[in-house]
Protein backbone atom coordinates (compact mmCIF):
# COMPACT_ATOMS: atom_id res chain seq x y z
CA MET A 1 -12.50 -21.40 27.49
CA PRO A 2 -9.89 -19.53 25.17
CA ASN A 3 -7.73 -21.62 23.26
CA MET A 4 -4.31 -20.80 25.49
CA ARG A 5 -1.67 -22.71 23.18
CA MET A 6 1.02 -19.98 22.54
CA ASP A 7 1.79 -20.18 18.75
CA ARG A 8 -0.56 -19.40 16.17
CA ASN A 9 -1.93 -20.81 13.15
CA PRO A 10 0.49 -20.68 10.37
CA MET A 11 -0.29 -19.32 6.90
CA PRO A 12 -0.52 -21.84 3.99
CA VAL A 13 1.75 -20.72 1.57
CA GLN A 14 2.71 -21.69 -1.86
CA ASP A 15 6.29 -23.48 -2.13
CA PRO A 16 8.96 -21.07 -2.41
CA GLN A 17 10.08 -23.08 -5.72
CA ILE A 18 7.00 -23.32 -7.36
CA ARG A 19 5.37 -19.33 -6.66
CA SER A 20 8.71 -18.27 -7.71
CA GLY A 21 7.69 -19.19 -11.29
CA ASN A 22 4.00 -17.37 -11.00
CA PHE A 23 2.11 -14.33 -10.38
CA SER A 24 -1.01 -16.93 -8.10
CA GLU A 25 -1.18 -15.42 -4.52
CA VAL A 26 1.41 -16.95 -2.11
CA ALA A 27 -0.70 -16.66 0.85
CA LEU A 28 -3.18 -19.42 0.63
CA GLY A 29 -5.73 -18.39 3.50
CA TYR A 30 -6.99 -19.90 6.54
CA THR A 31 -9.01 -23.11 6.33
CA LYS A 32 -12.65 -22.53 8.61
CA GLU A 33 -11.06 -24.53 11.01
CA GLN A 34 -7.81 -22.88 11.25
CA ALA A 35 -10.15 -19.25 11.78
CA ILE A 36 -12.10 -21.05 14.35
CA ASP A 37 -9.43 -22.33 16.15
CA GLU A 38 -6.82 -19.03 16.43
CA ALA A 39 -10.00 -16.57 17.07
CA GLN A 40 -10.65 -19.10 20.25
CA ARG A 41 -7.30 -17.51 21.19
CA CYS A 42 -7.92 -14.28 21.84
CA LEU A 43 -8.32 -13.47 25.43
CA HIS A 44 -11.20 -10.30 25.08
CA CYS A 45 -9.50 -7.90 27.25
CA LYS A 46 -11.01 -5.66 28.92
CA HIS A 47 -9.36 -2.29 27.93
CA LYS A 48 -9.33 -3.60 24.18
CA PRO A 49 -5.87 -2.34 23.42
CA CYS A 50 -5.70 -4.43 19.64
CA ILE A 51 -8.31 -1.62 18.91
CA ALA A 52 -6.02 1.88 19.67
CA GLY A 53 -3.48 0.18 17.66
CA CYS A 54 -5.94 0.37 14.63
CA PRO A 55 -6.01 3.17 12.41
CA VAL A 56 -8.95 3.01 11.62
CA LYS A 57 -10.53 1.59 14.67
CA VAL A 58 -12.01 -1.42 13.27
CA HIS A 59 -14.03 -3.64 16.40
CA ILE A 60 -11.61 -6.37 16.67
CA PRO A 61 -12.55 -8.42 19.63
CA GLU A 62 -16.28 -8.50 18.37
CA PHE A 63 -15.31 -9.51 15.06
CA ILE A 64 -12.91 -12.57 16.51
CA ALA A 65 -15.66 -13.59 18.95
CA LYS A 66 -17.94 -14.14 15.46
CA VAL A 67 -15.39 -16.26 14.35
CA ALA A 68 -14.72 -18.28 17.29
CA THR A 69 -18.65 -19.36 16.52
CA GLY A 70 -18.76 -19.91 13.40
CA ASP A 71 -20.47 -16.79 12.26
CA PHE A 72 -18.55 -15.60 9.18
CA GLU A 73 -21.15 -12.96 7.98
CA ALA A 74 -21.41 -11.19 11.29
CA ALA A 75 -18.39 -11.34 11.67
CA TYR A 76 -17.60 -9.38 7.77
CA GLN A 77 -20.21 -6.96 8.96
CA ILE A 78 -18.87 -5.77 12.34
CA ILE A 79 -15.25 -5.44 10.16
CA SER A 80 -17.38 -3.53 7.42
CA GLU A 81 -18.66 -0.70 10.12
CA SER A 82 -15.02 0.49 9.78
CA SER A 83 -13.23 -0.63 7.74
CA ALA A 84 -13.93 -0.35 3.36
CA LEU A 85 -11.60 -2.50 1.60
CA PRO A 86 -11.64 -5.44 4.52
CA ALA A 87 -10.31 -8.22 2.40
CA VAL A 88 -7.53 -5.73 1.20
CA CYS A 89 -6.48 -5.00 4.63
CA GLY A 90 -6.02 -8.76 5.83
CA ARG A 91 -3.40 -8.65 3.54
CA VAL A 92 -0.91 -5.98 3.07
CA CYS A 93 -1.38 -4.41 6.96
CA PRO A 94 1.35 -4.21 9.19
CA GLN A 95 -0.35 -5.93 11.65
CA GLU A 96 2.29 -6.41 13.90
CA SER A 97 3.55 -3.39 13.97
CA GLN A 98 -0.24 -2.04 14.69
CA CYS A 99 -3.23 -4.30 16.35
CA GLU A 100 -0.79 -7.12 16.52
CA LYS A 101 1.75 -5.22 18.41
CA MET A 102 -0.59 -4.42 21.14
CA CYS A 103 -1.93 -7.81 20.96
CA VAL A 104 -1.99 -9.24 25.26
CA ARG A 105 -1.05 -12.68 23.74
CA GLY A 106 1.67 -11.36 22.06
CA VAL A 107 3.81 -10.58 25.70
CA LYS A 108 4.62 -14.50 26.57
CA GLY A 109 3.68 -16.04 22.97
CA GLU A 110 3.07 -14.91 19.44
CA SER A 111 0.11 -12.71 19.36
CA VAL A 112 -3.49 -13.47 17.81
CA ALA A 113 -3.17 -13.92 13.74
CA ILE A 114 -5.95 -11.18 13.63
CA GLY A 115 -4.91 -9.51 9.91
CA ARG A 116 -5.32 -13.37 8.94
CA LEU A 117 -8.44 -13.47 10.50
CA GLU A 118 -9.51 -10.44 8.73
CA ARG A 119 -8.57 -11.65 5.49
CA PHE A 120 -10.17 -14.85 5.92
CA VAL A 121 -13.42 -13.23 6.81
CA ALA A 122 -13.30 -10.95 3.94
CA ASP A 123 -13.00 -14.13 1.56
CA TYR A 124 -15.76 -15.77 2.94
CA HIS A 125 -18.06 -13.09 2.39
CA ASN A 126 -17.15 -12.29 -1.17
CA ALA A 127 -16.87 -16.17 -2.11
CA HIS A 128 -20.59 -16.90 -0.61
CA SER A 129 -22.38 -12.94 -1.41
CA GLU A 130 -23.43 -11.15 -4.26
CA VAL A 131 -22.35 -7.50 -4.42
CA SER A 132 -26.02 -6.51 -3.02
CA ALA A 133 -25.30 -3.26 -0.93
CA ALA A 134 -28.12 -1.11 -0.36
CA LYS A 135 -27.58 2.36 -1.58
CA PRO A 136 -28.67 4.80 0.98
CA GLN A 137 -30.98 8.15 0.55
CA MET A 138 -29.27 10.80 -0.91
CA ASN A 139 -28.74 14.12 1.23
CA GLY A 140 -28.39 16.51 -1.24
CA HIS A 141 -24.43 17.27 -1.25
CA LYS A 142 -22.25 16.71 -3.63
CA VAL A 143 -18.72 16.10 -2.74
CA ALA A 144 -15.70 15.61 -4.95
CA VAL A 145 -12.77 12.45 -4.35
CA VAL A 146 -8.82 12.96 -6.17
CA GLY A 147 -7.46 9.23 -6.40
CA SER A 148 -9.04 6.00 -6.10
CA GLY A 149 -6.47 4.64 -4.03
CA PRO A 150 -7.10 3.37 -0.39
CA SER A 151 -7.70 7.05 0.91
CA GLY A 152 -9.61 8.22 -1.81
CA LEU A 153 -11.88 5.20 -1.69
CA THR A 154 -12.78 5.22 2.21
CA CYS A 155 -13.20 8.67 2.33
CA ALA A 156 -15.53 7.72 -0.99
CA GLY A 157 -17.12 5.22 0.68
CA ASP A 158 -17.68 6.71 3.96
CA PHE A 159 -19.58 9.24 2.01
CA ALA A 160 -21.94 7.38 0.13
CA ARG A 161 -23.42 5.78 3.57
CA LYS A 162 -24.04 9.19 4.92
CA GLY A 163 -25.85 9.49 1.27
CA TYR A 164 -23.61 12.18 -0.19
CA ASP A 165 -23.60 11.85 -4.51
CA VAL A 166 -19.53 11.63 -4.66
CA THR A 167 -17.55 11.16 -7.52
CA ILE A 168 -13.64 9.69 -7.85
CA PHE A 169 -11.40 10.88 -10.16
CA GLU A 170 -8.88 8.65 -11.43
CA ALA A 171 -6.17 10.11 -13.15
CA LEU A 172 -5.33 6.47 -14.39
CA HIS A 173 -7.33 3.95 -16.89
CA LEU A 174 -8.43 1.62 -13.81
CA ALA A 175 -9.20 2.44 -10.49
CA GLY A 176 -7.57 1.39 -7.24
CA GLY A 177 -4.57 3.49 -7.51
CA VAL A 178 -1.39 1.71 -5.65
CA LEU A 179 -3.48 -1.41 -5.01
CA VAL A 180 -3.34 -2.16 -8.79
CA TYR A 181 -0.23 -0.26 -9.82
CA GLY A 182 2.02 -0.77 -6.96
CA ILE A 183 1.34 -4.07 -5.03
CA PRO A 184 1.75 -7.52 -6.81
CA GLU A 185 -0.58 -9.78 -7.74
CA PHE A 186 0.81 -12.23 -5.42
CA ARG A 187 0.30 -10.46 -2.48
CA LEU A 188 -3.03 -8.89 -3.79
CA PRO A 189 -4.86 -10.32 -6.43
CA LYS A 190 -6.70 -7.43 -8.32
CA SER A 191 -9.75 -10.04 -8.58
CA ILE A 192 -10.10 -8.70 -5.03
CA VAL A 193 -9.69 -5.01 -5.20
CA GLN A 194 -12.16 -4.83 -7.97
CA ARG A 195 -14.49 -6.53 -5.58
CA GLU A 196 -14.36 -3.82 -3.31
CA ILE A 197 -14.52 -0.91 -5.76
CA ASP A 198 -17.36 -2.92 -6.98
CA GLN A 199 -19.46 -2.69 -3.26
CA LEU A 200 -18.59 0.78 -3.14
CA LYS A 201 -20.10 2.00 -6.96
CA ALA A 202 -23.34 -0.52 -5.42
CA LEU A 203 -23.50 2.15 -3.05
CA GLY A 204 -23.60 5.15 -5.20
CA VAL A 205 -20.25 6.24 -5.77
CA LYS A 206 -19.03 7.56 -9.43
CA ILE A 207 -15.95 7.17 -10.77
CA GLU A 208 -14.44 8.88 -13.61
CA THR A 209 -10.95 7.76 -15.08
CA ASN A 210 -8.62 8.84 -17.46
CA VAL A 211 -9.10 12.70 -15.45
CA ILE A 212 -5.99 14.02 -14.08
CA ILE A 213 -6.63 16.79 -11.79
CA GLY A 214 -5.01 19.89 -12.48
CA ARG A 215 -4.34 19.26 -16.28
CA THR A 216 -8.24 17.60 -17.56
CA ILE A 217 -9.71 19.87 -14.88
CA THR A 218 -8.47 21.65 -11.72
CA ILE A 219 -9.24 21.90 -8.32
CA ASP A 220 -10.92 25.16 -8.92
CA GLU A 221 -13.07 24.09 -11.39
CA LEU A 222 -14.63 21.29 -9.74
CA MET A 223 -15.84 24.02 -6.22
CA GLN A 224 -16.36 27.01 -8.72
CA GLU A 225 -17.89 25.26 -12.40
CA TYR A 226 -19.28 21.64 -11.18
CA GLY A 227 -20.64 22.50 -8.22
CA PHE A 228 -19.18 20.00 -5.53
CA GLU A 229 -19.22 21.71 -2.29
CA ALA A 230 -15.94 19.92 -1.07
CA VAL A 231 -12.80 18.35 -2.38
CA PHE A 232 -10.50 15.10 -0.60
CA ILE A 233 -7.16 14.88 -2.25
CA GLY A 234 -6.09 11.48 -2.07
CA SER A 235 -3.94 11.35 -4.82
CA GLY A 236 -1.03 9.30 -3.68
CA ALA A 237 2.73 9.93 -3.83
CA GLY A 238 3.91 8.74 -7.15
CA LEU A 239 6.56 10.51 -8.04
CA PRO A 240 9.49 8.56 -7.89
CA LYS A 241 12.83 9.52 -6.15
CA PHE A 242 16.63 8.47 -8.01
CA MET A 243 20.57 8.72 -6.34
CA ASN A 244 21.60 11.58 -8.85
CA ILE A 245 24.56 8.94 -9.31
CA PRO A 246 26.13 8.85 -13.19
CA GLY A 247 24.17 6.37 -15.40
CA GLU A 248 21.43 6.51 -13.73
CA ASN A 249 20.20 7.74 -17.30
CA LEU A 250 21.19 4.45 -19.06
CA LYS A 251 18.59 1.88 -20.89
CA GLY A 252 17.91 -0.69 -18.41
CA VAL A 253 17.26 1.88 -15.12
CA TYR A 254 13.78 1.53 -13.79
CA SER A 255 12.16 3.15 -10.96
CA ALA A 256 9.99 0.69 -8.84
CA ASN A 257 7.46 2.91 -9.42
CA GLU A 258 7.63 2.18 -13.61
CA PHE A 259 8.56 -1.26 -13.67
CA LEU A 260 5.72 -2.29 -10.96
CA THR A 261 3.01 -0.33 -12.85
CA ARG A 262 4.23 -1.60 -15.90
CA THR A 263 4.46 -4.59 -14.43
CA ASN A 264 0.70 -4.77 -12.36
CA LEU A 265 -1.44 -2.42 -14.25
CA MET A 266 0.28 -2.85 -18.01
CA LYS A 267 1.09 -6.59 -17.68
CA ALA A 268 4.25 -6.01 -20.18
CA TYR A 269 6.36 -9.05 -19.28
CA GLN A 270 3.26 -10.79 -21.49
CA PRO A 271 4.47 -11.22 -25.25
CA ASP A 272 2.02 -9.48 -26.74
CA ALA A 273 2.38 -6.44 -24.04
CA THR A 274 2.00 -2.89 -25.94
CA THR A 275 4.18 -1.28 -23.16
CA PRO A 276 7.02 -4.70 -22.92
CA ILE A 277 9.63 -4.07 -20.16
CA ARG A 278 13.38 -5.42 -20.06
CA LYS A 279 12.88 -8.46 -18.04
CA GLY A 280 16.82 -8.69 -17.28
CA LYS A 281 18.64 -11.38 -16.22
CA HIS A 282 20.84 -9.92 -13.43
CA VAL A 283 18.65 -7.35 -12.18
CA ALA A 284 19.54 -5.20 -9.32
CA VAL A 285 17.00 -3.42 -6.70
CA VAL A 286 18.73 -0.42 -4.93
CA GLY A 287 16.06 0.31 -1.39
CA GLY A 288 15.30 -2.02 1.13
CA GLY A 289 11.15 -1.16 1.93
CA ASN A 290 8.15 -3.35 0.80
CA VAL A 291 8.36 -1.71 -2.50
CA ALA A 292 12.15 -3.03 -3.08
CA MET A 293 10.77 -6.26 -2.01
CA ASP A 294 7.78 -6.32 -4.17
CA ALA A 295 10.09 -5.10 -7.47
CA ALA A 296 12.64 -7.65 -6.45
CA ARG A 297 9.98 -10.95 -6.34
CA CYS A 298 8.28 -9.15 -9.47
CA ALA A 299 11.82 -9.83 -11.42
CA ARG A 300 12.15 -13.25 -9.97
CA ARG A 301 9.12 -14.46 -11.61
CA LEU A 302 10.30 -13.00 -14.50
CA GLY A 303 13.06 -15.23 -14.82
CA ALA A 304 16.14 -12.88 -13.73
CA GLU A 305 18.60 -13.40 -10.84
CA VAL A 306 17.69 -10.61 -8.25
CA THR A 307 20.04 -9.01 -6.42
CA ILE A 308 18.98 -6.19 -3.23
CA ILE A 309 21.64 -3.98 -2.82
CA TYR A 310 20.97 -1.93 0.39
CA ARG A 311 23.28 0.41 2.35
CA ARG A 312 22.57 -0.43 5.88
CA THR A 313 22.53 -4.17 7.63
CA GLU A 314 19.72 -6.61 7.72
CA ALA A 315 18.66 -4.93 10.86
CA GLU A 316 17.81 -1.94 9.43
CA LEU A 317 15.14 -3.15 6.81
CA PRO A 318 12.42 -1.56 7.55
CA ALA A 319 10.28 -4.06 4.68
CA ARG A 320 7.79 -6.58 6.63
CA LEU A 321 9.39 -9.68 8.25
CA GLU A 322 7.22 -11.75 6.22
CA GLU A 323 8.54 -10.07 2.73
CA ILE A 324 11.95 -10.27 4.01
CA GLU A 325 11.62 -14.36 4.45
CA HIS A 326 9.47 -14.88 1.41
CA ALA A 327 12.16 -12.91 -0.99
CA LYS A 328 15.03 -15.06 1.07
CA GLU A 329 12.82 -18.03 0.07
CA GLU A 330 12.62 -17.28 -3.27
CA GLY A 331 15.90 -17.20 -3.78
CA ILE A 332 16.95 -13.59 -3.77
CA ILE A 333 19.67 -12.45 -3.05
CA PHE A 334 20.60 -9.76 -0.09
CA ARG A 335 23.96 -7.38 -0.65
CA PHE A 336 24.10 -5.42 2.70
CA LEU A 337 26.26 -2.19 3.39
CA THR A 338 26.28 -1.89 -0.08
CA ASN A 339 25.56 1.34 -1.93
CA PRO A 340 25.86 2.31 -5.78
CA LEU A 341 27.86 5.03 -6.79
CA GLU A 342 27.90 4.56 -10.84
CA ILE A 343 25.77 2.31 -12.84
CA ILE A 344 28.00 1.25 -15.99
CA GLY A 345 26.71 0.98 -19.49
CA ASP A 346 27.35 -0.75 -22.27
CA GLU A 347 29.08 0.62 -25.92
CA ASP A 348 24.90 0.74 -26.65
CA GLY A 349 23.89 2.62 -24.05
CA TRP A 350 22.47 0.05 -22.11
CA VAL A 351 23.16 -0.89 -18.26
CA ALA A 352 26.26 -3.30 -17.76
CA ALA A 353 27.31 -3.11 -14.13
CA ALA A 354 27.48 -0.99 -11.21
CA ARG A 355 30.38 0.41 -9.15
CA CYS A 356 29.19 0.27 -5.41
CA GLN A 357 30.83 1.57 -2.15
CA LYS A 358 31.41 -0.71 0.72
CA MET A 359 30.03 0.28 4.29
CA GLN A 360 30.03 0.37 7.87
CA LEU A 361 27.41 1.72 10.10
CA GLY A 362 28.34 4.84 12.34
CA GLU A 363 26.36 7.08 14.59
CA PRO A 364 22.48 7.15 14.47
CA ASP A 365 20.75 9.62 12.54
CA ALA A 366 17.46 11.51 12.38
CA SER A 367 15.07 8.26 11.73
CA GLY A 368 16.90 6.81 14.77
CA ARG A 369 18.36 4.39 12.59
CA ARG A 370 22.52 3.99 12.77
CA ARG A 371 23.81 6.00 9.39
CA PRO A 372 25.70 3.77 6.91
CA VAL A 373 29.22 5.26 6.25
CA PRO A 374 31.89 4.49 3.31
CA ILE A 375 34.79 2.53 4.03
CA GLU A 376 37.74 4.00 2.65
CA GLY A 377 39.12 2.47 -0.57
CA ALA A 378 36.26 -1.01 0.04
CA GLU A 379 34.29 -0.12 -3.67
CA GLU A 380 33.09 -3.69 -6.13
CA VAL A 381 31.65 -3.72 -9.18
CA ILE A 382 28.74 -5.55 -10.09
CA PRO A 383 28.10 -7.30 -13.10
CA LEU A 384 24.20 -6.54 -14.55
CA ASP A 385 21.79 -5.68 -16.88
CA THR A 386 18.50 -4.18 -14.95
CA VAL A 387 18.61 -1.78 -12.27
CA ILE A 388 16.03 -0.85 -10.43
CA MET A 389 15.39 2.00 -7.97
CA ALA A 390 13.72 1.59 -5.20
CA LEU A 391 13.77 4.62 -2.68
CA GLY A 392 10.58 6.19 -2.15
CA THR A 393 8.62 8.38 -4.07
CA SER A 394 7.01 12.18 -3.52
CA PRO A 395 3.78 13.58 -4.60
CA ASN A 396 3.25 14.66 -7.98
CA PRO A 397 3.44 18.92 -7.98
CA LEU A 398 1.04 19.00 -10.88
CA ILE A 399 -2.12 19.22 -8.16
CA ARG A 400 -0.08 22.08 -5.98
CA ASP A 401 0.69 23.96 -8.89
CA THR A 402 -2.66 23.97 -10.26
CA THR A 403 -4.66 24.98 -7.15
CA ASP A 404 -4.69 28.68 -5.82
CA GLY A 405 -4.12 28.91 -2.53
CA LEU A 406 -2.96 24.99 -1.26
CA ASP A 407 0.06 25.17 1.09
CA THR A 408 2.36 22.36 0.95
CA GLN A 409 5.65 20.96 2.50
CA HIS A 410 8.89 21.59 0.17
CA TRP A 411 9.29 18.02 -0.34
CA GLY A 412 5.72 18.98 -1.79
CA GLY A 413 3.07 16.94 1.09
CA ILE A 414 0.04 19.40 1.16
CA ILE A 415 -0.05 20.51 4.72
CA VAL A 416 -3.43 20.08 6.73
CA GLU A 417 -4.57 19.48 10.41
CA GLU A 418 -3.75 16.52 11.43
CA GLU A 419 -7.63 16.32 13.44
CA THR A 420 -9.42 16.41 10.87
CA GLY A 421 -7.18 16.93 7.03
CA LYS A 422 -8.24 20.31 6.16
CA THR A 423 -6.30 22.36 4.04
CA SER A 424 -5.19 26.11 3.78
CA ARG A 425 -7.68 26.16 1.09
CA GLU A 426 -11.67 26.58 1.92
CA GLY A 427 -13.04 23.44 1.50
CA VAL A 428 -10.49 21.58 0.60
CA TYR A 429 -9.12 18.42 2.10
CA ALA A 430 -6.13 15.86 2.02
CA GLY A 431 -5.27 12.85 3.41
CA GLY A 432 -2.68 9.46 2.37
CA ASP A 433 0.85 9.71 0.64
CA ALA A 434 -0.29 13.31 -0.10
CA VAL A 435 -0.01 14.42 2.70
CA THR A 436 2.27 12.00 4.10
CA GLY A 437 5.00 11.03 1.46
CA ALA A 438 4.50 7.36 0.77
CA ALA A 439 3.30 5.37 3.83
CA THR A 440 1.03 2.05 4.66
CA VAL A 441 -2.70 1.38 2.47
CA ILE A 442 -3.87 1.63 6.61
CA LEU A 443 -3.00 4.88 7.37
CA ALA A 444 -4.15 6.18 4.21
CA MET A 445 -7.38 4.62 4.85
CA GLY A 446 -7.81 6.25 8.15
CA ALA A 447 -6.76 9.72 7.10
CA GLY A 448 -9.37 9.42 4.58
CA LYS A 449 -12.25 8.36 7.46
CA THR A 450 -10.89 11.66 9.68
CA ALA A 451 -11.54 13.75 6.32
CA ALA A 452 -14.94 12.18 5.59
CA ALA A 453 -15.87 12.73 9.00
CA ALA A 454 -14.88 16.41 9.31
CA ILE A 455 -16.22 17.41 5.59
CA ASP A 456 -19.49 16.18 6.39
CA GLU A 457 -19.45 18.14 10.09
CA MET A 458 -18.49 21.62 7.68
CA ILE A 459 -21.07 20.96 5.16
CA GLN A 460 -23.98 20.06 7.83
CA LYS A 461 -23.30 22.80 9.36
CA LYS A 462 -24.06 25.60 7.00
């Protein structure tokens, strides 16, 4: 009989007063007993709606059934059939808007904690087994992947399992893309990302770092001179957006992309860092998405009083509810219905304050959310010493500008066939944030899987 308890097992977490001063992982993970108990809440519905909500189509009821009996390794093997990054997905995927949203248990109570179970299974496997994936027999075909973020890693993993000679080209000095430079250690420990990458290397995936496609080498050269039969572009969206208001060029103004990269990848907060970062005492983060929460929570851990400035109300915040709750618990202040008009500097050119406009909600805009409109005459000045702009990102134009015949959107996203990821350039496919703009890890992974399957079909038909 299923466990018919209406509520899910809570996730054990670090105390907010302690975790706000360290970069250790906030969520501590289920125990064996909690995992088994939670798995027994699954009803094993005939139509398996949870699978329909998963972009990479993990066989969710099957792996949960194994967890319920304590066969955690079998559960891991089931997940791995569909997902190349289970320990990552279990931590950062928005399950509440995907697989868990479709869970029947959520109709009259709380859905099964699918993400927490995936994390438990992956962590159990990593703690009890060595990297020992058997390298498949090579099929004689050679493909390239641009970018080692979630879409690139997933695509490369699927290629490797089919015997392709696959090489990933990464611009930074460390593989992992947004998983290492964008998502903080307290949400996704880098040792976990490295473990997932090591498993792909064991399958035969080669990774070339410090290679900027479009500068070090071009897509055309990869195909015409280096013999790659196809190229998948998973280069992400790393070009930050700004408000174009006065004062954005002052010292002490960062994009969230730069702030997080310096903090997560370069450890710039350490005393001996070669690329130090301004920690700040009074930090404002402009924006309301997951990246804004990440930046704010990092700044809090660096000792600052942190305020999130958002032009709509709390109800419109696009960040995950869990991230918002964690931010509040850690003492981060939220100023809603507020929009910066100007960043004010001191005599030395550093941030000193922000002049902000108070807002109210009007009619819905194209996104379906009510549009914020100014309240005439309602302004305020907020004293600050650091401002972090978390307003989204777009793809870097370098690949577009150096690749013949590659069609893109006016904002930079590569145009592809939705069903295959095929671009306008023969033999070149793309997916993830390079196509959609900034989105989720799991959607990028789904795009990587789609393109890998389409490229395999294209090559096998030759």
